[in-house]
Amino acid sequence: MRKWNPRLAVLMAALVLPVVPATVFATEQAQQRREGRDVRQDTRQGSRETKQDCRANDQKSNPQCRQDKRQTKQQGRETARDIKY
């Protein structure tokens, strides 16, 4: 039977322990990317509705409605960036 080798145990711990935090970070990062993607997708739909409502109510010209849509999308992108970073 082999005798317990403390050097081997230290070596194994040194190899395994750094992997655990990296895995946790990767999982957290994936969750943040997913949340950011969900926000952007919701924003796309919201910006379409903003433009459709603007055009339906005939409040503004088409270029002005288009600008409203752009601003809505930009706000969604900023929100997604805040989640990720």
PDB file of N, CA and C in Angstrom:
ATOM      1  N   MET A   1       0.839  -1.173   0.000  1.00  0.00           N
ATOM      2  CA  MET A   1       0.000   0.000   0.000  1.00  0.00           C
ATOM      3  C   MET A   1       0.890   1.244   0.000  1.00  0.00           C
ATOM      4  N   ARG A   2       0.460   2.282  -0.746  1.00  0.00           N
ATOM      5  CA  ARG A   2       1.251   3.502  -0.852  1.00  0.00           C
ATOM      6  C   ARG A   2       1.073   4.382   0.364  1.00  0.00           C
ATOM      7  N   LYS A   3       2.103   5.059   0.703  1.00  0.00           N
ATOM      8  CA  LYS A   3       2.080   5.986   1.820  1.00  0.00           C
ATOM      9  C   LYS A   3       1.542   7.336   1.340  1.00  0.00           C
ATOM     10  N   TRP A   4       0.843   8.041   2.204  1.00  0.00           N
ATOM     11  CA  TRP A   4       0.271   9.359   1.898  1.00  0.00           C
ATOM     12  C   TRP A   4       1.384  10.355   1.626  1.00  0.00           C
ATOM     13  N   ASN A   5       1.291  11.048   0.517  1.00  0.00           N
ATOM     14  CA  ASN A   5       2.317  12.001   0.125  1.00  0.00           C
ATOM     15  C   ASN A   5       1.741  13.414   0.231  1.00  0.00           C
ATOM     16  N   PRO A   6       2.151  14.204   1.240  1.00  0.00           N
ATOM     17  CA  PRO A   6       1.598  15.553   1.410  1.00  0.00           C
ATOM     18  C   PRO A   6       1.950  16.482   0.244  1.00  0.00           C
ATOM     19  N   ARG A   7       3.074  16.286  -0.391  1.00  0.00           N
ATOM     20  CA  ARG A   7       3.440  17.126  -1.534  1.00  0.00           C
ATOM     21  C   ARG A   7       2.472  16.928  -2.697  1.00  0.00           C
ATOM     22  N   LEU A   8       2.088  15.697  -2.898  1.00  0.00           N
ATOM     23  CA  LEU A   8       1.129  15.397  -3.962  1.00  0.00           C
ATOM     24  C   LEU A   8      -0.219  16.047  -3.657  1.00  0.00           C
ATOM     25  N   ALA A   9      -0.626  16.020  -2.406  1.00  0.00           N
ATOM     26  CA  ALA A   9      -1.892  16.637  -2.006  1.00  0.00           C
ATOM     27  C   ALA A   9      -1.859  18.145  -2.236  1.00  0.00           C
ATOM     28  N   VAL A  10      -0.751  18.778  -1.893  1.00  0.00           N
ATOM     29  CA  VAL A  10      -0.610  20.221  -2.106  1.00  0.00           C
ATOM     30  C   VAL A  10      -0.622  20.534  -3.597  1.00  0.00           C
ATOM     31  N   LEU A  11       0.061  19.736  -4.375  1.00  0.00           N
ATOM     32  CA  LEU A  11       0.097  19.931  -5.813  1.00  0.00           C
ATOM     33  C   LEU A  11      -1.306  19.791  -6.421  1.00  0.00           C
ATOM     34  N   MET A  12      -2.024  18.789  -6.007  1.00  0.00           N
ATOM     35  CA  MET A  12      -3.391  18.581  -6.520  1.00  0.00           C
ATOM     36  C   MET A  12      -4.300  19.748  -6.133  1.00  0.00           C
ATOM     37  N   ALA A  13      -4.194  20.222  -4.896  1.00  0.00           N
ATOM     38  CA  ALA A  13      -5.004  21.356  -4.454  1.00  0.00           C
ATOM     39  C   ALA A  13      -4.658  22.605  -5.264  1.00  0.00           C
ATOM     40  N   ALA A  14      -3.399  22.809  -5.543  1.00  0.00           N
ATOM     41  CA  ALA A  14      -2.972  23.972  -6.318  1.00  0.00           C
ATOM     42  C   ALA A  14      -3.514  23.921  -7.741  1.00  0.00           C
ATOM     43  N   LEU A  15      -3.697  22.745  -8.269  1.00  0.00           N
ATOM     44  CA  LEU A  15      -4.222  22.608  -9.626  1.00  0.00           C
ATOM     45  C   LEU A  15      -5.738  22.732  -9.690  1.00  0.00           C
ATOM     46  N   VAL A  16      -6.438  22.255  -8.680  1.00  0.00           N
ATOM     47  CA  VAL A  16      -7.900  22.198  -8.711  1.00  0.00           C
ATOM     48  C   VAL A  16      -8.546  23.487  -8.217  1.00  0.00           C
ATOM     49  N   LEU A  17      -8.031  24.110  -7.199  1.00  0.00           N
ATOM     50  CA  LEU A  17      -8.682  25.266  -6.591  1.00  0.00           C
ATOM     51  C   LEU A  17      -8.863  26.464  -7.527  1.00  0.00           C
ATOM     52  N   PRO A  18      -7.905  26.810  -8.370  1.00  0.00           N
ATOM     53  CA  PRO A  18      -8.140  27.948  -9.268  1.00  0.00           C
ATOM     54  C   PRO A  18      -9.255  27.716 -10.278  1.00  0.00           C
ATOM     55  N   VAL A  19      -9.596  26.500 -10.561  1.00  0.00           N
ATOM     56  CA  VAL A  19     -10.633  26.195 -11.542  1.00  0.00           C
ATOM     57  C   VAL A  19     -12.015  26.555 -11.013  1.00  0.00           C
ATOM     58  N   VAL A  20     -12.239  26.390  -9.743  1.00  0.00           N
ATOM     59  CA  VAL A  20     -13.561  26.631  -9.161  1.00  0.00           C
ATOM     60  C   VAL A  20     -13.994  28.091  -9.314  1.00  0.00           C
ATOM     61  N   PRO A  21     -13.194  29.085  -8.914  1.00  0.00           N
ATOM     62  CA  PRO A  21     -13.631  30.470  -9.109  1.00  0.00           C
ATOM     63  C   PRO A  21     -13.817  30.832 -10.580  1.00  0.00           C
ATOM     64  N   ALA A  22     -12.989  30.311 -11.462  1.00  0.00           N
ATOM     65  CA  ALA A  22     -13.135  30.602 -12.883  1.00  0.00           C
ATOM     66  C   ALA A  22     -14.462  30.067 -13.410  1.00  0.00           C
ATOM     67  N   THR A  23     -14.862  28.908 -12.930  1.00  0.00           N
ATOM     68  CA  THR A  23     -16.136  28.324 -13.352  1.00  0.00           C
ATOM     69  C   THR A  23     -17.298  29.174 -12.847  1.00  0.00           C
ATOM     70  N   VAL A  24     -17.212  29.621 -11.613  1.00  0.00           N
ATOM     71  CA  VAL A  24     -18.269  30.461 -11.046  1.00  0.00           C
ATOM     72  C   VAL A  24     -18.365  31.766 -11.823  1.00  0.00           C
ATOM     73  N   PHE A  25     -17.219  32.363 -12.147  1.00  0.00           N
ATOM     74  CA  PHE A  25     -17.211  33.609 -12.907  1.00  0.00           C
ATOM     75  C   PHE A  25     -17.807  33.411 -14.288  1.00  0.00           C
ATOM     76  N   ALA A  26     -17.472  32.314 -14.937  1.00  0.00           N
ATOM     77  CA  ALA A  26     -18.003  32.041 -16.273  1.00  0.00           C
ATOM     78  C   ALA A  26     -19.522  31.884 -16.231  1.00  0.00           C
ATOM     79  N   THR A  27     -20.023  31.220 -15.208  1.00  0.00           N
ATOM     80  CA  THR A  27     -21.467  31.048 -15.077  1.00  0.00           C
ATOM     81  C   THR A  27     -22.155  32.386 -14.840  1.00  0.00           C
ATOM     82  N   GLU A  28     -21.553  33.216 -14.000  1.00  0.00           N
ATOM     83  CA  GLU A  28     -22.126  34.536 -13.723  1.00  0.00           C
ATOM     84  C   GLU A  28     -22.099  35.402 -14.981  1.00  0.00           C
ATOM     85  N   GLN A  29     -21.006  35.328 -15.711  1.00  0.00           N
ATOM     86  CA  GLN A  29     -20.876  36.101 -16.941  1.00  0.00           C
ATOM     87  C   GLN A  29     -21.909  35.648 -17.980  1.00  0.00           C
ATOM     88  N   ALA A  30     -22.143  34.359 -18.071  1.00  0.00           N
ATOM     89  CA  ALA A  30     -23.150  33.848 -19.006  1.00  0.00           C
ATOM     90  C   ALA A  30     -24.541  34.352 -18.622  1.00  0.00           C
ATOM     91  N   GLN A  31     -24.824  34.382 -17.330  1.00  0.00           N
ATOM     92  CA  GLN A  31     -26.116  34.886 -16.865  1.00  0.00           C
ATOM     93  C   GLN A  31     -26.271  36.370 -17.222  1.00  0.00           C
ATOM     94  N   GLN A  32     -25.219  37.141 -17.064  1.00  0.00           N
ATOM     95  CA  GLN A  32     -25.279  38.563 -17.408  1.00  0.00           C
ATOM     96  C   GLN A  32     -25.495  38.757 -18.905  1.00  0.00           C
ATOM     97  N   ARG A  33     -24.810  37.963 -19.716  1.00  0.00           N
ATOM     98  CA  ARG A  33     -25.017  38.064 -21.165  1.00  0.00           C
ATOM     99  C   ARG A  33     -26.451  37.718 -21.536  1.00  0.00           C
ATOM    100  N   ARG A  34     -26.988  36.697 -20.898  1.00  0.00           N
ATOM    101  CA  ARG A  34     -28.364  36.277 -21.172  1.00  0.00           C
ATOM    102  C   ARG A  34     -29.343  37.389 -20.792  1.00  0.00           C
ATOM    103  N   GLU A  35     -29.139  37.997 -19.633  1.00  0.00           N
ATOM    104  CA  GLU A  35     -30.023  39.087 -19.205  1.00  0.00           C
ATOM    105  C   GLU A  35     -29.918  40.270 -20.161  1.00  0.00           C
ATOM    106  N   GLY A  36     -28.701  40.585 -20.588  1.00  0.00           N
ATOM    107  CA  GLY A  36     -28.515  41.674 -21.539  1.00  0.00           C
ATOM    108  C   GLY A  36     -29.205  41.398 -22.863  1.00  0.00           C
ATOM    109  N   ARG A  37     -29.092  40.168 -23.331  1.00  0.00           N
ATOM    110  CA  ARG A  37     -29.749  39.780 -24.583  1.00  0.00           C
ATOM    111  C   ARG A  37     -31.268  39.888 -24.446  1.00  0.00           C
ATOM    112  N   ASP A  38     -31.804  39.459 -23.318  1.00  0.00           N
ATOM    113  CA  ASP A  38     -33.247  39.549 -23.094  1.00  0.00           C
ATOM    114  C   ASP A  38     -33.711  41.005 -23.101  1.00  0.00           C
ATOM    115  N   VAL A  39     -32.931  41.877 -22.477  1.00  0.00           N
ATOM    116  CA  VAL A  39     -33.280  43.302 -22.456  1.00  0.00           C
ATOM    117  C   VAL A  39     -33.286  43.862 -23.872  1.00  0.00           C
ATOM    118  N   ARG A  40     -32.259  43.525 -24.655  1.00  0.00           N
ATOM    119  CA  ARG A  40     -32.201  44.035 -26.034  1.00  0.00           C
ATOM    120  C   ARG A  40     -33.368  43.515 -26.871  1.00  0.00           C
ATOM    121  N   GLN A  41     -33.738  42.257 -26.689  1.00  0.00           N
ATOM    122  CA  GLN A  41     -34.865  41.717 -27.453  1.00  0.00           C
ATOM    123  C   GLN A  41     -36.173  42.401 -27.062  1.00  0.00           C
ATOM    124  N   ASP A  42     -36.364  42.622 -25.773  1.00  0.00           N
ATOM    125  CA  ASP A  42     -37.564  43.334 -25.325  1.00  0.00           C
ATOM    126  C   ASP A  42     -37.570  44.762 -25.859  1.00  0.00           C
ATOM    127  N   THR A  43     -36.394  45.363 -25.897  1.00  0.00           N
ATOM    128  CA  THR A  43     -36.279  46.738 -26.389  1.00  0.00           C
ATOM    129  C   THR A  43     -36.638  46.817 -27.864  1.00  0.00           C
ATOM    130  N   ARG A  44     -36.221  45.830 -28.631  1.00  0.00           N
ATOM    131  CA  ARG A  44     -36.554  45.836 -30.063  1.00  0.00           C
ATOM    132  C   ARG A  44     -38.067  45.870 -30.255  1.00  0.00           C
ATOM    133  N   GLN A  45     -38.756  45.012 -29.529  1.00  0.00           N
ATOM    134  CA  GLN A  45     -40.213  44.978 -29.646  1.00  0.00           C
ATOM    135  C   GLN A  45     -40.820  46.300 -29.174  1.00  0.00           C
ATOM    136  N   GLY A  46     -40.295  46.822 -28.093  1.00  0.00           N
ATOM    137  CA  GLY A  46     -40.795  48.098 -27.578  1.00  0.00           C
ATOM    138  C   GLY A  46     -40.568  49.239 -28.546  1.00  0.00           C
ATOM    139  N   SER A  47     -39.424  49.237 -29.218  1.00  0.00           N
ATOM    140  CA  SER A  47     -39.147  50.312 -30.176  1.00  0.00           C
ATOM    141  C   SER A  47     -40.061  50.201 -31.393  1.00  0.00           C
ATOM    142  N   ARG A  48     -40.372  48.985 -31.808  1.00  0.00           N
ATOM    143  CA  ARG A  48     -41.334  48.810 -32.918  1.00  0.00           C
ATOM    144  C   ARG A  48     -42.699  49.368 -32.529  1.00  0.00           C
ATOM    145  N   GLU A  49     -43.115  49.047 -31.318  1.00  0.00           N
ATOM    146  CA  GLU A  49     -44.411  49.540 -30.842  1.00  0.00           C
ATOM    147  C   GLU A  49     -44.409  51.059 -30.731  1.00  0.00           C
ATOM    148  N   THR A  50     -43.279  51.620 -30.288  1.00  0.00           N
ATOM    149  CA  THR A  50     -43.168  53.081 -30.186  1.00  0.00           C
ATOM    150  C   THR A  50     -43.393  53.716 -31.549  1.00  0.00           C
ATOM    151  N   LYS A  51     -42.742  53.174 -32.570  1.00  0.00           N
ATOM    152  CA  LYS A  51     -42.880  53.743 -33.910  1.00  0.00           C
ATOM    153  C   LYS A  51     -44.290  53.531 -34.459  1.00  0.00           C
ATOM    154  N   GLN A  52     -44.839  52.344 -34.245  1.00  0.00           N
ATOM    155  CA  GLN A  52     -46.198  52.073 -34.736  1.00  0.00           C
ATOM    156  C   GLN A  52     -47.213  52.999 -34.073  1.00  0.00           C
ATOM    157  N   ASP A  53     -47.068  53.198 -32.770  1.00  0.00           N
ATOM    158  CA  ASP A  53     -47.985  54.104 -32.062  1.00  0.00           C
ATOM    159  C   ASP A  53     -47.832  55.534 -32.559  1.00  0.00           C
ATOM    160  N   CYS A  54     -46.594  55.930 -32.786  1.00  0.00           N
ATOM    161  CA  CYS A  54     -46.331  57.280 -33.282  1.00  0.00           C
ATOM    162  C   CYS A  54     -46.985  57.486 -34.643  1.00  0.00           C
ATOM    163  N   ARG A  55     -46.810  56.508 -35.522  1.00  0.00           N
ATOM    164  CA  ARG A  55     -47.393  56.618 -36.859  1.00  0.00           C
ATOM    165  C   ARG A  55     -48.916  56.526 -36.826  1.00  0.00           C
ATOM    166  N   ALA A  56     -49.445  55.650 -35.957  1.00  0.00           N
ATOM    167  CA  ALA A  56     -50.894  55.467 -35.887  1.00  0.00           C
ATOM    168  C   ALA A  56     -51.589  56.728 -35.373  1.00  0.00           C
ATOM    169  N   ASN A  57     -50.963  57.382 -34.419  1.00  0.00           N
ATOM    170  CA  ASN A  57     -51.567  58.591 -33.853  1.00  0.00           C
ATOM    171  C   ASN A  57     -51.262  59.825 -34.694  1.00  0.00           C
ATOM    172  N   ASP A  58     -50.431  59.650 -35.715  1.00  0.00           N
ATOM    173  CA  ASP A  58     -50.061  60.725 -36.627  1.00  0.00           C
ATOM    174  C   ASP A  58     -49.557  61.946 -35.861  1.00  0.00           C
ATOM    175  N   GLN A  59     -48.766  61.648 -34.825  1.00  0.00           N
ATOM    176  CA  GLN A  59     -48.244  62.728 -33.992  1.00  0.00           C
ATOM    177  C   GLN A  59     -47.095  63.457 -34.671  1.00  0.00           C
ATOM    178  N   LYS A  60     -46.275  62.709 -35.380  1.00  0.00           N
ATOM    179  CA  LYS A  60     -45.051  63.274 -35.948  1.00  0.00           C
ATOM    180  C   LYS A  60     -44.856  62.725 -37.354  1.00  0.00           C
ATOM    181  N   SER A  61     -43.890  63.302 -38.042  1.00  0.00           N
ATOM    182  CA  SER A  61     -43.551  62.789 -39.369  1.00  0.00           C
ATOM    183  C   SER A  61     -42.801  61.468 -39.218  1.00  0.00           C
ATOM    184  N   ASN A  62     -42.669  60.755 -40.317  1.00  0.00           N
ATOM    185  CA  ASN A  62     -41.977  59.463 -40.283  1.00  0.00           C
ATOM    186  C   ASN A  62     -40.528  59.586 -39.775  1.00  0.00           C
ATOM    187  N   PRO A  63     -39.765  60.580 -40.228  1.00  0.00           N
ATOM    188  CA  PRO A  63     -38.397  60.703 -39.687  1.00  0.00           C
ATOM    189  C   PRO A  63     -38.369  60.951 -38.175  1.00  0.00           C
ATOM    190  N   GLN A  64     -39.317  61.710 -37.680  1.00  0.00           N
ATOM    191  CA  GLN A  64     -39.360  61.957 -36.235  1.00  0.00           C
ATOM    192  C   GLN A  64     -39.716  60.676 -35.483  1.00  0.00           C
ATOM    193  N   CYS A  65     -40.632  59.894 -36.038  1.00  0.00           N
ATOM    194  CA  CYS A  65     -40.987  58.614 -35.415  1.00  0.00           C
ATOM    195  C   CYS A  65     -39.796  57.656 -35.454  1.00  0.00           C
ATOM    196  N   ARG A  66     -39.060  57.687 -36.543  1.00  0.00           N
ATOM    197  CA  ARG A  66     -37.881  56.847 -36.671  1.00  0.00           C
ATOM    198  C   ARG A  66     -36.839  57.224 -35.614  1.00  0.00           C
ATOM    199  N   GLN A  67     -36.694  58.520 -35.364  1.00  0.00           N
ATOM    200  CA  GLN A  67     -35.754  58.984 -34.346  1.00  0.00           C
ATOM    201  C   GLN A  67     -36.188  58.520 -32.959  1.00  0.00           C
ATOM    202  N   ASP A  68     -37.483  58.545 -32.694  1.00  0.00           N
ATOM    203  CA  ASP A  68     -37.989  58.035 -31.407  1.00  0.00           C
ATOM    204  C   ASP A  68     -37.636  56.562 -31.247  1.00  0.00           C
ATOM    205  N   LYS A  69     -37.784  55.813 -32.346  1.00  0.00           N
ATOM    206  CA  LYS A  69     -37.453  54.388 -32.311  1.00  0.00           C
ATOM    207  C   LYS A  69     -35.970  54.194 -32.010  1.00  0.00           C
ATOM    208  N   ARG A  70     -35.123  54.981 -32.652  1.00  0.00           N
ATOM    209  CA  ARG A  70     -33.675  54.886 -32.406  1.00  0.00           C
ATOM    210  C   ARG A  70     -33.342  55.185 -30.945  1.00  0.00           C
ATOM    211  N   GLN A  71     -33.959  56.202 -30.403  1.00  0.00           N
ATOM    212  CA  GLN A  71     -33.684  56.569 -29.010  1.00  0.00           C
ATOM    213  C   GLN A  71     -34.115  55.454 -28.058  1.00  0.00           C
ATOM    214  N   THR A  72     -35.252  54.842 -28.342  1.00  0.00           N
ATOM    215  CA  THR A  72     -35.730  53.739 -27.514  1.00  0.00           C
ATOM    216  C   THR A  72     -34.743  52.574 -27.563  1.00  0.00           C
ATOM    217  N   LYS A  73     -34.257  52.247 -28.759  1.00  0.00           N
ATOM    218  CA  LYS A  73     -33.286  51.154 -28.889  1.00  0.00           C
ATOM    219  C   LYS A  73     -31.973  51.485 -28.181  1.00  0.00           C
ATOM    220  N   GLN A  74     -31.534  52.732 -28.283  1.00  0.00           N
ATOM    221  CA  GLN A  74     -30.289  53.132 -27.632  1.00  0.00           C
ATOM    222  C   GLN A  74     -30.404  53.018 -26.111  1.00  0.00           C
ATOM    223  N   GLN A  75     -31.548  53.383 -25.567  1.00  0.00           N
ATOM    224  CA  GLN A  75     -31.754  53.247 -24.122  1.00  0.00           C
ATOM    225  C   GLN A  75     -31.695  51.781 -23.709  1.00  0.00           C
ATOM    226  N   GLY A  76     -32.248  50.909 -24.528  1.00  0.00           N
ATOM    227  CA  GLY A  76     -32.190  49.477 -24.241  1.00  0.00           C
ATOM    228  C   GLY A  76     -30.770  48.944 -24.286  1.00  0.00           C
ATOM    229  N   ARG A  77     -29.991  49.413 -25.260  1.00  0.00           N
ATOM    230  CA  ARG A  77     -28.583  48.993 -25.342  1.00  0.00           C
ATOM    231  C   ARG A  77     -27.807  49.437 -24.112  1.00  0.00           C
ATOM    232  N   GLU A  78     -28.065  50.667 -23.654  1.00  0.00           N
ATOM    233  CA  GLU A  78     -27.374  51.165 -22.466  1.00  0.00           C
ATOM    234  C   GLU A  78     -27.743  50.333 -21.235  1.00  0.00           C
ATOM    235  N   THR A  79     -29.007  49.981 -21.130  1.00  0.00           N
ATOM    236  CA  THR A  79     -29.445  49.141 -20.015  1.00  0.00           C
ATOM    237  C   THR A  79     -28.749  47.786 -20.060  1.00  0.00           C
ATOM    238  N   ALA A  80     -28.659  47.198 -21.252  1.00  0.00           N
ATOM    239  CA  ALA A  80     -27.989  45.897 -21.404  1.00  0.00           C
ATOM    240  C   ALA A  80     -26.516  46.017 -21.046  1.00  0.00           C
ATOM    241  N   ARG A  81     -25.871  47.111 -21.439  1.00  0.00           N
ATOM    242  CA  ARG A  81     -24.458  47.317 -21.078  1.00  0.00           C
ATOM    243  C   ARG A  81     -24.293  47.438 -19.573  1.00  0.00           C
ATOM    244  N   ASP A  82     -25.221  48.125 -18.920  1.00  0.00           N
ATOM    245  CA  ASP A  82     -25.150  48.258 -17.467  1.00  0.00           C
ATOM    246  C   ASP A  82     -25.244  46.907 -16.786  1.00  0.00           C
ATOM    247  N   ILE A  83     -26.036  46.020 -17.342  1.00  0.00           N
ATOM    248  CA  ILE A  83     -26.176  44.668 -16.767  1.00  0.00           C
ATOM    249  C   ILE A  83     -24.873  43.895 -16.951  1.00  0.00           C
ATOM    250  N   LYS A  84     -24.294  43.968 -18.137  1.00  0.00           N
ATOM    251  CA  LYS A  84     -23.105  43.177 -18.441  1.00  0.00           C
ATOM    252  C   LYS A  84     -21.850  43.693 -17.754  1.00  0.00           C
ATOM    253  N   TYR A  85     -21.708  44.996 -17.645  1.00  0.00           N
ATOM    254  CA  TYR A  85     -20.451  45.547 -17.135  1.00  0.00           C
ATOM    255  C   TYR A  85     -20.679  46.204 -15.829  1.00  0.00           C
TER     256      TYR A  85
END
